[in-house]
Amino acid sequence: MFTAPVGLYGVMSFSVSSRVSEMGVRMALGAQASQVTGLIIKQGLGQIAVGLVIGSGLAVLVARGLTLLLYQVEPLDPATFAIVLSLLLTTGVGACAIPAVRATRVDPMVALSGD
């Protein structure tokens, strides 16, 4: 549970750092900070959605396989799935927001100069 947001943060941070010149051009051409933030968070939400769908499907398959090992425990508890999915979504959005806010602080002249 801890590695998913950390991994997403790493991917988003690398993606944003490799696109600094693009963010600088966008801001130099008049993009607002909220637009740049929205662009980055939208990209991150796409990755989160794919991960949640694939992860939920795999979790259901694994839970069905564990029914023989569990005693008096429901393997497909909807409340547990909902809590885990909402927690992963919340931490994922937080992991996307940090690089997004950092991207808005890029000075367009520094980004365009390539330093």
PDB file of N, CA and C in Angstrom:
ATOM      1  N   MET A   1       0.825  -1.189   0.000  1.00  0.00           N
ATOM      2  CA  MET A   1       0.000   0.000   0.000  1.00  0.00           C
ATOM      3  C   MET A   1       0.871   1.255   0.000  1.00  0.00           C
ATOM      4  N   PHE A   2       2.028   1.168   0.638  1.00  0.00           N
ATOM      5  CA  PHE A   2       2.913   2.316   0.713  1.00  0.00           C
ATOM      6  C   PHE A   2       3.699   2.517  -0.571  1.00  0.00           C
ATOM      7  N   THR A   3       4.021   1.442  -1.249  1.00  0.00           N
ATOM      8  CA  THR A   3       4.877   1.551  -2.424  1.00  0.00           C
ATOM      9  C   THR A   3       4.148   2.139  -3.632  1.00  0.00           C
ATOM     10  N   ALA A   4       2.844   1.971  -3.715  1.00  0.00           N
ATOM     11  CA  ALA A   4       2.106   2.498  -4.873  1.00  0.00           C
ATOM     12  C   ALA A   4       2.177   4.023  -4.946  1.00  0.00           C
ATOM     13  N   PRO A   5       1.851   4.760  -3.878  1.00  0.00           N
ATOM     14  CA  PRO A   5       1.972   6.223  -3.971  1.00  0.00           C
ATOM     15  C   PRO A   5       3.409   6.695  -4.140  1.00  0.00           C
ATOM     16  N   VAL A   6       4.350   5.998  -3.512  1.00  0.00           N
ATOM     17  CA  VAL A   6       5.753   6.398  -3.649  1.00  0.00           C
ATOM     18  C   VAL A   6       6.221   6.174  -5.085  1.00  0.00           C
ATOM     19  N   GLY A   7       5.830   5.057  -5.664  1.00  0.00           N
ATOM     20  CA  GLY A   7       6.180   4.788  -7.058  1.00  0.00           C
ATOM     21  C   GLY A   7       5.542   5.781  -8.010  1.00  0.00           C
ATOM     22  N   LEU A   8       4.276   6.098  -7.764  1.00  0.00           N
ATOM     23  CA  LEU A   8       3.594   7.086  -8.608  1.00  0.00           C
ATOM     24  C   LEU A   8       4.240   8.457  -8.467  1.00  0.00           C
ATOM     25  N   TYR A   9       4.627   8.812  -7.240  1.00  0.00           N
ATOM     26  CA  TYR A   9       5.315  10.084  -7.038  1.00  0.00           C
ATOM     27  C   TYR A   9       6.618  10.115  -7.826  1.00  0.00           C
ATOM     28  N   GLY A  10       7.361   9.026  -7.786  1.00  0.00           N
ATOM     29  CA  GLY A  10       8.621   8.973  -8.522  1.00  0.00           C
ATOM     30  C   GLY A  10       8.420   9.107 -10.017  1.00  0.00           C
ATOM     31  N   VAL A  11       7.422   8.411 -10.549  1.00  0.00           N
ATOM     32  CA  VAL A  11       7.134   8.488 -11.983  1.00  0.00           C
ATOM     33  C   VAL A  11       6.686   9.895 -12.366  1.00  0.00           C
ATOM     34  N   MET A  12       5.796  10.475 -11.570  1.00  0.00           N
ATOM     35  CA  MET A  12       5.300  11.815 -11.892  1.00  0.00           C
ATOM     36  C   MET A  12       6.398  12.866 -11.742  1.00  0.00           C
ATOM     37  N   SER A  13       7.224  12.723 -10.717  1.00  0.00           N
ATOM     38  CA  SER A  13       8.305  13.675 -10.516  1.00  0.00           C
ATOM     39  C   SER A  13       9.294  13.618 -11.679  1.00  0.00           C
ATOM     40  N   PHE A  14       9.629  12.412 -12.125  1.00  0.00           N
ATOM     41  CA  PHE A  14      10.529  12.270 -13.275  1.00  0.00           C
ATOM     42  C   PHE A  14       9.887  12.836 -14.533  1.00  0.00           C
ATOM     43  N   SER A  15       8.587  12.553 -14.731  1.00  0.00           N
ATOM     44  CA  SER A  15       7.881  13.046 -15.912  1.00  0.00           C
ATOM     45  C   SER A  15       7.865  14.572 -15.937  1.00  0.00           C
ATOM     46  N   VAL A  16       7.591  15.169 -14.797  1.00  0.00           N
ATOM     47  CA  VAL A  16       7.542  16.636 -14.735  1.00  0.00           C
ATOM     48  C   VAL A  16       8.932  17.227 -14.930  1.00  0.00           C
ATOM     49  N   SER A  17       9.944  16.621 -14.324  1.00  0.00           N
ATOM     50  CA  SER A  17      11.300  17.179 -14.456  1.00  0.00           C
ATOM     51  C   SER A  17      11.822  17.062 -15.883  1.00  0.00           C
ATOM     52  N   SER A  18      11.381  16.033 -16.603  1.00  0.00           N
ATOM     53  CA  SER A  18      11.823  15.913 -17.993  1.00  0.00           C
ATOM     54  C   SER A  18      11.033  16.820 -18.931  1.00  0.00           C
ATOM     55  N   ARG A  19       9.949  17.384 -18.442  1.00  0.00           N
ATOM     56  CA  ARG A  19       9.126  18.275 -19.260  1.00  0.00           C
ATOM     57  C   ARG A  19       9.188  19.722 -18.779  1.00  0.00           C
ATOM     58  N   VAL A  20      10.264  20.096 -18.110  1.00  0.00           N
ATOM     59  CA  VAL A  20      10.392  21.456 -17.578  1.00  0.00           C
ATOM     60  C   VAL A  20      10.343  22.490 -18.691  1.00  0.00           C
ATOM     61  N   SER A  21      11.009  22.214 -19.801  1.00  0.00           N
ATOM     62  CA  SER A  21      10.996  23.198 -20.894  1.00  0.00           C
ATOM     63  C   SER A  21       9.591  23.340 -21.473  1.00  0.00           C
ATOM     64  N   GLU A  22       8.843  22.235 -21.551  1.00  0.00           N
ATOM     65  CA  GLU A  22       7.460  22.327 -22.038  1.00  0.00           C
ATOM     66  C   GLU A  22       6.611  23.182 -21.101  1.00  0.00           C
ATOM     67  N   MET A  23       6.770  22.977 -19.805  1.00  0.00           N
ATOM     68  CA  MET A  23       6.001  23.769 -18.837  1.00  0.00           C
ATOM     69  C   MET A  23       6.407  25.239 -18.911  1.00  0.00           C
ATOM     70  N   GLY A  24       7.696  25.490 -19.133  1.00  0.00           N
ATOM     71  CA  GLY A  24       8.156  26.866 -19.292  1.00  0.00           C
ATOM     72  C   GLY A  24       7.563  27.529 -20.511  1.00  0.00           C
ATOM     73  N   VAL A  25       7.490  26.805 -21.625  1.00  0.00           N
ATOM     74  CA  VAL A  25       6.885  27.358 -22.841  1.00  0.00           C
ATOM     75  C   VAL A  25       5.400  27.627 -22.603  1.00  0.00           C
ATOM     76  N   ARG A  26       4.718  26.695 -21.971  1.00  0.00           N
ATOM     77  CA  ARG A  26       3.293  26.896 -21.687  1.00  0.00           C
ATOM     78  C   ARG A  26       3.064  28.142 -20.835  1.00  0.00           C
ATOM     79  N   MET A  27       3.893  28.293 -19.803  1.00  0.00           N
ATOM     80  CA  MET A  27       3.716  29.453 -18.924  1.00  0.00           C
ATOM     81  C   MET A  27       4.153  30.742 -19.610  1.00  0.00           C
ATOM     82  N   ALA A  28       5.164  30.666 -20.482  1.00  0.00           N
ATOM     83  CA  ALA A  28       5.592  31.855 -21.221  1.00  0.00           C
ATOM     84  C   ALA A  28       4.525  32.300 -22.219  1.00  0.00           C
ATOM     85  N   LEU A  29       3.772  31.340 -22.740  1.00  0.00           N
ATOM     86  CA  LEU A  29       2.710  31.679 -23.694  1.00  0.00           C
ATOM     87  C   LEU A  29       1.405  32.069 -23.013  1.00  0.00           C
ATOM     88  N   GLY A  30       1.412  32.112 -21.687  1.00  0.00           N
ATOM     89  CA  GLY A  30       0.247  32.629 -20.976  1.00  0.00           C
ATOM     90  C   GLY A  30      -0.584  31.614 -20.221  1.00  0.00           C
ATOM     91  N   ALA A  31      -0.101  30.400 -20.099  1.00  0.00           N
ATOM     92  CA  ALA A  31      -0.862  29.405 -19.328  1.00  0.00           C
ATOM     93  C   ALA A  31      -0.827  29.780 -17.856  1.00  0.00           C
ATOM     94  N   GLN A  32      -1.951  29.637 -17.212  1.00  0.00           N
ATOM     95  CA  GLN A  32      -2.044  29.901 -15.784  1.00  0.00           C
ATOM     96  C   GLN A  32      -1.481  28.720 -15.004  1.00  0.00           C
ATOM     97  N   ALA A  33      -1.106  28.966 -13.769  1.00  0.00           N
ATOM     98  CA  ALA A  33      -0.565  27.906 -12.922  1.00  0.00           C
ATOM     99  C   ALA A  33      -1.599  26.801 -12.709  1.00  0.00           C
ATOM    100  N   SER A  34      -2.859  27.183 -12.618  1.00  0.00           N
ATOM    101  CA  SER A  34      -3.904  26.174 -12.423  1.00  0.00           C
ATOM    102  C   SER A  34      -4.045  25.273 -13.651  1.00  0.00           C
ATOM    103  N   GLN A  35      -3.797  25.814 -14.837  1.00  0.00           N
ATOM    104  CA  GLN A  35      -3.872  24.999 -16.045  1.00  0.00           C
ATOM    105  C   GLN A  35      -2.726  23.994 -16.109  1.00  0.00           C
ATOM    106  N   VAL A  36      -1.535  24.414 -15.732  1.00  0.00           N
ATOM    107  CA  VAL A  36      -0.383  23.515 -15.719  1.00  0.00           C
ATOM    108  C   VAL A  36      -0.584  22.433 -14.659  1.00  0.00           C
ATOM    109  N   THR A  37      -1.064  22.842 -13.487  1.00  0.00           N
ATOM    110  CA  THR A  37      -1.341  21.879 -12.421  1.00  0.00           C
ATOM    111  C   THR A  37      -2.399  20.878 -12.867  1.00  0.00           C
ATOM    112  N   GLY A  38      -3.448  21.365 -13.493  1.00  0.00           N
ATOM    113  CA  GLY A  38      -4.511  20.481 -13.978  1.00  0.00           C
ATOM    114  C   GLY A  38      -4.017  19.493 -15.015  1.00  0.00           C
ATOM    115  N   LEU A  39      -3.131  19.937 -15.885  1.00  0.00           N
ATOM    116  CA  LEU A  39      -2.570  19.056 -16.910  1.00  0.00           C
ATOM    117  C   LEU A  39      -1.793  17.898 -16.281  1.00  0.00           C
ATOM    118  N   ILE A  40      -0.991  18.220 -15.297  1.00  0.00           N
ATOM    119  CA  ILE A  40      -0.168  17.193 -14.655  1.00  0.00           C
ATOM    120  C   ILE A  40      -1.031  16.251 -13.824  1.00  0.00           C
ATOM    121  N   ILE A  41      -1.986  16.790 -13.090  1.00  0.00           N
ATOM    122  CA  ILE A  41      -2.856  15.946 -12.272  1.00  0.00           C
ATOM    123  C   ILE A  41      -3.734  15.071 -13.163  1.00  0.00           C
ATOM    124  N   LYS A  42      -4.177  15.593 -14.293  1.00  0.00           N
ATOM    125  CA  LYS A  42      -4.968  14.789 -15.224  1.00  0.00           C
ATOM    126  C   LYS A  42      -4.158  13.601 -15.733  1.00  0.00           C
ATOM    127  N   GLN A  43      -2.896  13.826 -16.047  1.00  0.00           N
ATOM    128  CA  GLN A  43      -2.021  12.745 -16.490  1.00  0.00           C
ATOM    129  C   GLN A  43      -1.877  11.711 -15.373  1.00  0.00           C
ATOM    130  N   GLY A  44      -1.684  12.175 -14.159  1.00  0.00           N
ATOM    131  CA  GLY A  44      -1.533  11.269 -13.028  1.00  0.00           C
ATOM    132  C   GLY A  44      -2.809  10.494 -12.737  1.00  0.00           C
ATOM    133  N   LEU A  45      -3.964  11.140 -12.872  1.00  0.00           N
ATOM    134  CA  LEU A  45      -5.235  10.448 -12.640  1.00  0.00           C
ATOM    135  C   LEU A  45      -5.452   9.333 -13.654  1.00  0.00           C
ATOM    136  N   GLY A  46      -4.972   9.518 -14.863  1.00  0.00           N
ATOM    137  CA  GLY A  46      -5.062   8.450 -15.856  1.00  0.00           C
ATOM    138  C   GLY A  46      -4.263   7.229 -15.428  1.00  0.00           C
ATOM    139  N   GLN A  47      -3.059   7.476 -14.919  1.00  0.00           N
ATOM    140  CA  GLN A  47      -2.234   6.367 -14.430  1.00  0.00           C
ATOM    141  C   GLN A  47      -2.862   5.710 -13.207  1.00  0.00           C
ATOM    142  N   ILE A  48      -3.424   6.521 -12.330  1.00  0.00           N
ATOM    143  CA  ILE A  48      -4.071   5.983 -11.128  1.00  0.00           C
ATOM    144  C   ILE A  48      -5.263   5.122 -11.515  1.00  0.00           C
ATOM    145  N   ALA A  49      -6.074   5.599 -12.454  1.00  0.00           N
ATOM    146  CA  ALA A  49      -7.261   4.849 -12.865  1.00  0.00           C
ATOM    147  C   ALA A  49      -6.892   3.494 -13.454  1.00  0.00           C
ATOM    148  N   VAL A  50      -5.888   3.473 -14.306  1.00  0.00           N
ATOM    149  CA  VAL A  50      -5.445   2.201 -14.890  1.00  0.00           C
ATOM    150  C   VAL A  50      -4.949   1.266 -13.792  1.00  0.00           C
ATOM    151  N   GLY A  51      -4.167   1.786 -12.874  1.00  0.00           N
ATOM    152  CA  GLY A  51      -3.645   0.976 -11.780  1.00  0.00           C
ATOM    153  C   GLY A  51      -4.739   0.439 -10.875  1.00  0.00           C
ATOM    154  N   LEU A  52      -5.746   1.267 -10.586  1.00  0.00           N
ATOM    155  CA  LEU A  52      -6.837   0.810  -9.727  1.00  0.00           C
ATOM    156  C   LEU A  52      -7.677  -0.269 -10.401  1.00  0.00           C
ATOM    157  N   VAL A  53      -7.927  -0.126 -11.687  1.00  0.00           N
ATOM    158  CA  VAL A  53      -8.719  -1.132 -12.406  1.00  0.00           C
ATOM    159  C   VAL A  53      -7.971  -2.463 -12.471  1.00  0.00           C
ATOM    160  N   ILE A  54      -6.716  -2.410 -12.876  1.00  0.00           N
ATOM    161  CA  ILE A  54      -5.934  -3.645 -12.974  1.00  0.00           C
ATOM    162  C   ILE A  54      -5.719  -4.255 -11.589  1.00  0.00           C
ATOM    163  N   GLY A  55      -5.390  -3.417 -10.614  1.00  0.00           N
ATOM    164  CA  GLY A  55      -5.165  -3.905  -9.258  1.00  0.00           C
ATOM    165  C   GLY A  55      -6.403  -4.496  -8.628  1.00  0.00           C
ATOM    166  N   SER A  56      -7.563  -3.894  -8.878  1.00  0.00           N
ATOM    167  CA  SER A  56      -8.816  -4.430  -8.323  1.00  0.00           C
ATOM    168  C   SER A  56      -9.132  -5.793  -8.932  1.00  0.00           C
ATOM    169  N   GLY A  57      -8.935  -5.900 -10.221  1.00  0.00           N
ATOM    170  CA  GLY A  57      -9.180  -7.186 -10.873  1.00  0.00           C
ATOM    171  C   GLY A  57      -8.272  -8.278 -10.341  1.00  0.00           C
ATOM    172  N   LEU A  58      -7.003  -7.958 -10.187  1.00  0.00           N
ATOM    173  CA  LEU A  58      -6.069  -8.936  -9.634  1.00  0.00           C
ATOM    174  C   LEU A  58      -6.383  -9.257  -8.178  1.00  0.00           C
ATOM    175  N   ALA A  59      -6.827  -8.249  -7.410  1.00  0.00           N
ATOM    176  CA  ALA A  59      -7.170  -8.479  -6.008  1.00  0.00           C
ATOM    177  C   ALA A  59      -8.364  -9.415  -5.881  1.00  0.00           C
ATOM    178  N   VAL A  60      -9.343  -9.284  -6.767  1.00  0.00           N
ATOM    179  CA  VAL A  60     -10.500 -10.180  -6.736  1.00  0.00           C
ATOM    180  C   VAL A  60     -10.063 -11.609  -7.062  1.00  0.00           C
ATOM    181  N   LEU A  61      -9.198 -11.758  -8.047  1.00  0.00           N
ATOM    182  CA  LEU A  61      -8.712 -13.099  -8.393  1.00  0.00           C
ATOM    183  C   LEU A  61      -7.917 -13.726  -7.249  1.00  0.00           C
ATOM    184  N   VAL A  62      -7.056 -12.949  -6.635  1.00  0.00           N
ATOM    185  CA  VAL A  62      -6.248 -13.467  -5.530  1.00  0.00           C
ATOM    186  C   VAL A  62      -7.128 -13.773  -4.319  1.00  0.00           C
ATOM    187  N   ALA A  63      -8.122 -12.909  -4.053  1.00  0.00           N
ATOM    188  CA  ALA A  63      -9.015 -13.136  -2.911  1.00  0.00           C
ATOM    189  C   ALA A  63      -9.808 -14.423  -3.090  1.00  0.00           C
ATOM    190  N   ARG A  64     -10.244 -14.693  -4.298  1.00  0.00           N
ATOM    191  CA  ARG A  64     -10.968 -15.952  -4.542  1.00  0.00           C
ATOM    192  C   ARG A  64     -10.061 -17.156  -4.321  1.00  0.00           C
ATOM    193  N   GLY A  65      -8.799 -17.008  -4.659  1.00  0.00           N
ATOM    194  CA  GLY A  65      -7.859 -18.099  -4.443  1.00  0.00           C
ATOM    195  C   GLY A  65      -7.527 -18.311  -2.977  1.00  0.00           C
ATOM    196  N   LEU A  66      -7.697 -17.272  -2.162  1.00  0.00           N
ATOM    197  CA  LEU A  66      -7.379 -17.371  -0.742  1.00  0.00           C
ATOM    198  C   LEU A  66      -8.542 -17.871   0.112  1.00  0.00           C
ATOM    199  N   THR A  67      -9.682 -18.149  -0.482  1.00  0.00           N
ATOM    200  CA  THR A  67     -10.843 -18.564   0.313  1.00  0.00           C
ATOM    201  C   THR A  67     -10.570 -19.837   1.103  1.00  0.00           C
ATOM    202  N   LEU A  68      -9.711 -20.696   0.603  1.00  0.00           N
ATOM    203  CA  LEU A  68      -9.395 -21.922   1.329  1.00  0.00           C
ATOM    204  C   LEU A  68      -8.530 -21.653   2.561  1.00  0.00           C
ATOM    205  N   LEU A  69      -7.768 -20.579   2.547  1.00  0.00           N
ATOM    206  CA  LEU A  69      -6.877 -20.272   3.656  1.00  0.00           C
ATOM    207  C   LEU A  69      -7.520 -19.414   4.732  1.00  0.00           C
ATOM    208  N   LEU A  70      -8.611 -18.760   4.411  1.00  0.00           N
ATOM    209  CA  LEU A  70      -9.261 -17.839   5.347  1.00  0.00           C
ATOM    210  C   LEU A  70     -10.318 -18.568   6.161  1.00  0.00           C
ATOM    211  N   TYR A  71     -10.387 -18.235   7.439  1.00  0.00           N
ATOM    212  CA  TYR A  71     -11.371 -18.851   8.318  1.00  0.00           C
ATOM    213  C   TYR A  71     -12.260 -17.759   8.883  1.00  0.00           C
ATOM    214  N   GLN A  72     -13.535 -17.815   8.617  1.00  0.00           N
ATOM    215  CA  GLN A  72     -14.553 -16.861   9.069  1.00  0.00           C
ATOM    216  C   GLN A  72     -14.229 -15.425   8.650  1.00  0.00           C
ATOM    217  N   VAL A  73     -13.649 -15.279   7.487  1.00  0.00           N
ATOM    218  CA  VAL A  73     -13.348 -13.955   6.936  1.00  0.00           C
ATOM    219  C   VAL A  73     -13.864 -13.933   5.508  1.00  0.00           C
ATOM    220  N   GLU A  74     -14.582 -12.875   5.160  1.00  0.00           N
ATOM    221  CA  GLU A  74     -15.113 -12.725   3.808  1.00  0.00           C
ATOM    222  C   GLU A  74     -13.999 -12.179   2.898  1.00  0.00           C
ATOM    223  N   PRO A  75     -13.572 -12.932   1.887  1.00  0.00           N
ATOM    224  CA  PRO A  75     -12.453 -12.472   1.050  1.00  0.00           C
ATOM    225  C   PRO A  75     -12.818 -11.312   0.124  1.00  0.00           C
ATOM    226  N   LEU A  76     -14.075 -11.181  -0.238  1.00  0.00           N
ATOM    227  CA  LEU A  76     -14.492 -10.100  -1.144  1.00  0.00           C
ATOM    228  C   LEU A  76     -15.352  -9.084  -0.396  1.00  0.00           C
ATOM    229  N   ASP A  77     -14.834  -8.578   0.704  1.00  0.00           N
ATOM    230  CA  ASP A  77     -15.554  -7.596   1.510  1.00  0.00           C
ATOM    231  C   ASP A  77     -15.594  -6.257   0.778  1.00  0.00           C
ATOM    232  N   PRO A  78     -16.793  -5.787   0.398  1.00  0.00           N
ATOM    233  CA  PRO A  78     -16.868  -4.533  -0.371  1.00  0.00           C
ATOM    234  C   PRO A  78     -16.376  -3.318   0.408  1.00  0.00           C
ATOM    235  N   ALA A  79     -16.590  -3.303   1.708  1.00  0.00           N
ATOM    236  CA  ALA A  79     -16.138  -2.152   2.503  1.00  0.00           C
ATOM    237  C   ALA A  79     -14.608  -2.063   2.492  1.00  0.00           C
ATOM    238  N   THR A  80     -13.944  -3.189   2.614  1.00  0.00           N
ATOM    239  CA  THR A  80     -12.485  -3.188   2.597  1.00  0.00           C
ATOM    240  C   THR A  80     -11.961  -2.736   1.241  1.00  0.00           C
ATOM    241  N   PHE A  81     -12.567  -3.245   0.178  1.00  0.00           N
ATOM    242  CA  PHE A  81     -12.149  -2.829  -1.162  1.00  0.00           C
ATOM    243  C   PHE A  81     -12.363  -1.329  -1.358  1.00  0.00           C
ATOM    244  N   ALA A  82     -13.505  -0.813  -0.890  1.00  0.00           N
ATOM    245  CA  ALA A  82     -13.799   0.615  -1.046  1.00  0.00           C
ATOM    246  C   ALA A  82     -12.813   1.473  -0.255  1.00  0.00           C
ATOM    247  N   ILE A  83     -12.492   1.056   0.955  1.00  0.00           N
ATOM    248  CA  ILE A  83     -11.554   1.823   1.778  1.00  0.00           C
ATOM    249  C   ILE A  83     -10.164   1.832   1.148  1.00  0.00           C
ATOM    250  N   VAL A  84      -9.723   0.684   0.687  1.00  0.00           N
ATOM    251  CA  VAL A  84      -8.385   0.599   0.085  1.00  0.00           C
ATOM    252  C   VAL A  84      -8.326   1.415  -1.209  1.00  0.00           C
ATOM    253  N   LEU A  85      -9.363   1.307  -2.037  1.00  0.00           N
ATOM    254  CA  LEU A  85      -9.373   2.071  -3.289  1.00  0.00           C
ATOM    255  C   LEU A  85      -9.396   3.573  -3.031  1.00  0.00           C
ATOM    256  N   SER A  86     -10.201   4.019  -2.056  1.00  0.00           N
ATOM    257  CA  SER A  86     -10.249   5.453  -1.760  1.00  0.00           C
ATOM    258  C   SER A  86      -8.936   5.936  -1.159  1.00  0.00           C
ATOM    259  N   LEU A  87      -8.304   5.118  -0.331  1.00  0.00           N
ATOM    260  CA  LEU A  87      -7.018   5.493   0.238  1.00  0.00           C
ATOM    261  C   LEU A  87      -5.940   5.591  -0.848  1.00  0.00           C
ATOM    262  N   LEU A  88      -5.928   4.633  -1.755  1.00  0.00           N
ATOM    263  CA  LEU A  88      -4.961   4.684  -2.854  1.00  0.00           C
ATOM    264  C   LEU A  88      -5.225   5.870  -3.779  1.00  0.00           C
ATOM    265  N   LEU A  89      -6.484   6.168  -4.037  1.00  0.00           N
ATOM    266  CA  LEU A  89      -6.822   7.320  -4.880  1.00  0.00           C
ATOM    267  C   LEU A  89      -6.379   8.625  -4.215  1.00  0.00           C
ATOM    268  N   THR A  90      -6.641   8.748  -2.924  1.00  0.00           N
ATOM    269  CA  THR A  90      -6.272   9.964  -2.206  1.00  0.00           C
ATOM    270  C   THR A  90      -4.762  10.158  -2.163  1.00  0.00           C
ATOM    271  N   THR A  91      -4.039   9.105  -1.821  1.00  0.00           N
ATOM    272  CA  THR A  91      -2.582   9.239  -1.774  1.00  0.00           C
ATOM    273  C   THR A  91      -1.992   9.419  -3.173  1.00  0.00           C
ATOM    274  N   GLY A  92      -2.623   8.838  -4.168  1.00  0.00           N
ATOM    275  CA  GLY A  92      -2.164   9.015  -5.541  1.00  0.00           C
ATOM    276  C   GLY A  92      -2.326  10.448  -6.016  1.00  0.00           C
ATOM    277  N   VAL A  93      -3.453  11.054  -5.686  1.00  0.00           N
ATOM    278  CA  VAL A  93      -3.658  12.460  -6.060  1.00  0.00           C
ATOM    279  C   VAL A  93      -2.657  13.351  -5.331  1.00  0.00           C
ATOM    280  N   GLY A  94      -2.381  13.030  -4.074  1.00  0.00           N
ATOM    281  CA  GLY A  94      -1.358  13.784  -3.344  1.00  0.00           C
ATOM    282  C   GLY A  94       0.012  13.629  -3.970  1.00  0.00           C
ATOM    283  N   ALA A  95       0.309  12.406  -4.420  1.00  0.00           N
ATOM    284  CA  ALA A  95       1.599  12.163  -5.065  1.00  0.00           C
ATOM    285  C   ALA A  95       1.707  12.895  -6.396  1.00  0.00           C
ATOM    286  N   CYS A  96       0.594  13.149  -7.049  1.00  0.00           N
ATOM    287  CA  CYS A  96       0.598  13.913  -8.304  1.00  0.00           C
ATOM    288  C   CYS A  96       0.638  15.416  -8.045  1.00  0.00           C
ATOM    289  N   ALA A  97       0.036  15.844  -6.931  1.00  0.00           N
ATOM    290  CA  ALA A  97      -0.068  17.275  -6.656  1.00  0.00           C
ATOM    291  C   ALA A  97       1.292  17.895  -6.339  1.00  0.00           C
ATOM    292  N   ILE A  98       2.163  17.156  -5.682  1.00  0.00           N
ATOM    293  CA  ILE A  98       3.467  17.722  -5.299  1.00  0.00           C
ATOM    294  C   ILE A  98       4.298  18.105  -6.532  1.00  0.00           C
ATOM    295  N   PRO A  99       4.494  17.204  -7.518  1.00  0.00           N
ATOM    296  CA  PRO A  99       5.224  17.638  -8.715  1.00  0.00           C
ATOM    297  C   PRO A  99       4.461  18.694  -9.524  1.00  0.00           C
ATOM    298  N   ALA A 100       3.129  18.656  -9.461  1.00  0.00           N
ATOM    299  CA  ALA A 100       2.341  19.643 -10.208  1.00  0.00           C
ATOM    300  C   ALA A 100       2.564  21.039  -9.654  1.00  0.00           C
ATOM    301  N   VAL A 101       2.576  21.173  -8.350  1.00  0.00           N
ATOM    302  CA  VAL A 101       2.828  22.484  -7.742  1.00  0.00           C
ATOM    303  C   VAL A 101       4.257  22.920  -8.019  1.00  0.00           C
ATOM    304  N   ARG A 102       5.184  21.985  -7.992  1.00  0.00           N
ATOM    305  CA  ARG A 102       6.581  22.312  -8.293  1.00  0.00           C
ATOM    306  C   ARG A 102       6.722  22.808  -9.732  1.00  0.00           C
ATOM    307  N   ALA A 103       5.939  22.249 -10.647  1.00  0.00           N
ATOM    308  CA  ALA A 103       6.022  22.661 -12.053  1.00  0.00           C
ATOM    309  C   ALA A 103       5.518  24.082 -12.251  1.00  0.00           C
ATOM    310  N   THR A 104       4.597  24.518 -11.422  1.00  0.00           N
ATOM    311  CA  THR A 104       4.072  25.875 -11.573  1.00  0.00           C
ATOM    312  C   THR A 104       5.066  26.924 -11.089  1.00  0.00           C
ATOM    313  N   ARG A 105       6.052  26.523 -10.327  1.00  0.00           N
ATOM    314  CA  ARG A 105       7.038  27.472  -9.811  1.00  0.00           C
ATOM    315  C   ARG A 105       8.234  27.643 -10.740  1.00  0.00           C
ATOM    316  N   VAL A 106       8.182  26.997 -11.897  1.00  0.00           N
ATOM    317  CA  VAL A 106       9.277  27.096 -12.862  1.00  0.00           C
ATOM    318  C   VAL A 106       9.248  28.472 -13.503  1.00  0.00           C
ATOM    319  N   ASP A 107      10.375  29.145 -13.483  1.00  0.00           N
ATOM    320  CA  ASP A 107      10.488  30.433 -14.154  1.00  0.00           C
ATOM    321  C   ASP A 107      10.585  30.176 -15.654  1.00  0.00           C
ATOM    322  N   PRO A 108       9.694  30.744 -16.458  1.00  0.00           N
ATOM    323  CA  PRO A 108       9.707  30.469 -17.894  1.00  0.00           C
ATOM    324  C   PRO A 108      11.050  30.789 -18.564  1.00  0.00           C
ATOM    325  N   MET A 109      11.731  31.826 -18.125  1.00  0.00           N
ATOM    326  CA  MET A 109      13.007  32.181 -18.745  1.00  0.00           C
ATOM    327  C   MET A 109      14.093  31.147 -18.426  1.00  0.00           C
ATOM    328  N   VAL A 110      14.075  30.627 -17.239  1.00  0.00           N
ATOM    329  CA  VAL A 110      15.058  29.598 -16.862  1.00  0.00           C
ATOM    330  C   VAL A 110      14.760  28.310 -17.624  1.00  0.00           C
ATOM    331  N   ALA A 111      13.482  27.964 -17.750  1.00  0.00           N
ATOM    332  CA  ALA A 111      13.110  26.739 -18.465  1.00  0.00           C
ATOM    333  C   ALA A 111      13.447  26.851 -19.944  1.00  0.00           C
ATOM    334  N   LEU A 112      13.271  28.011 -20.513  1.00  0.00           N
ATOM    335  CA  LEU A 112      13.553  28.184 -21.938  1.00  0.00           C
ATOM    336  C   LEU A 112      15.044  28.244 -22.233  1.00  0.00           C
ATOM    337  N   SER A 113      15.840  28.688 -21.265  1.00  0.00           N
ATOM    338  CA  SER A 113      17.285  28.791 -21.504  1.00  0.00           C
ATOM    339  C   SER A 113      17.963  27.417 -21.454  1.00  0.00           C
ATOM    340  N   GLY A 114      17.298  26.423 -20.850  1.00  0.00           N
ATOM    341  CA  GLY A 114      17.841  25.072 -20.825  1.00  0.00           C
ATOM    342  C   GLY A 114      18.825  24.817 -19.715  1.00  0.00           C
ATOM    343  N   ASP A 115      18.887  25.685 -18.716  1.00  0.00           N
ATOM    344  CA  ASP A 115      19.821  25.480 -17.590  1.00  0.00           C
ATOM    345  C   ASP A 115      19.292  24.496 -16.612  1.00  0.00           C
TER     346      ASP A 115
END
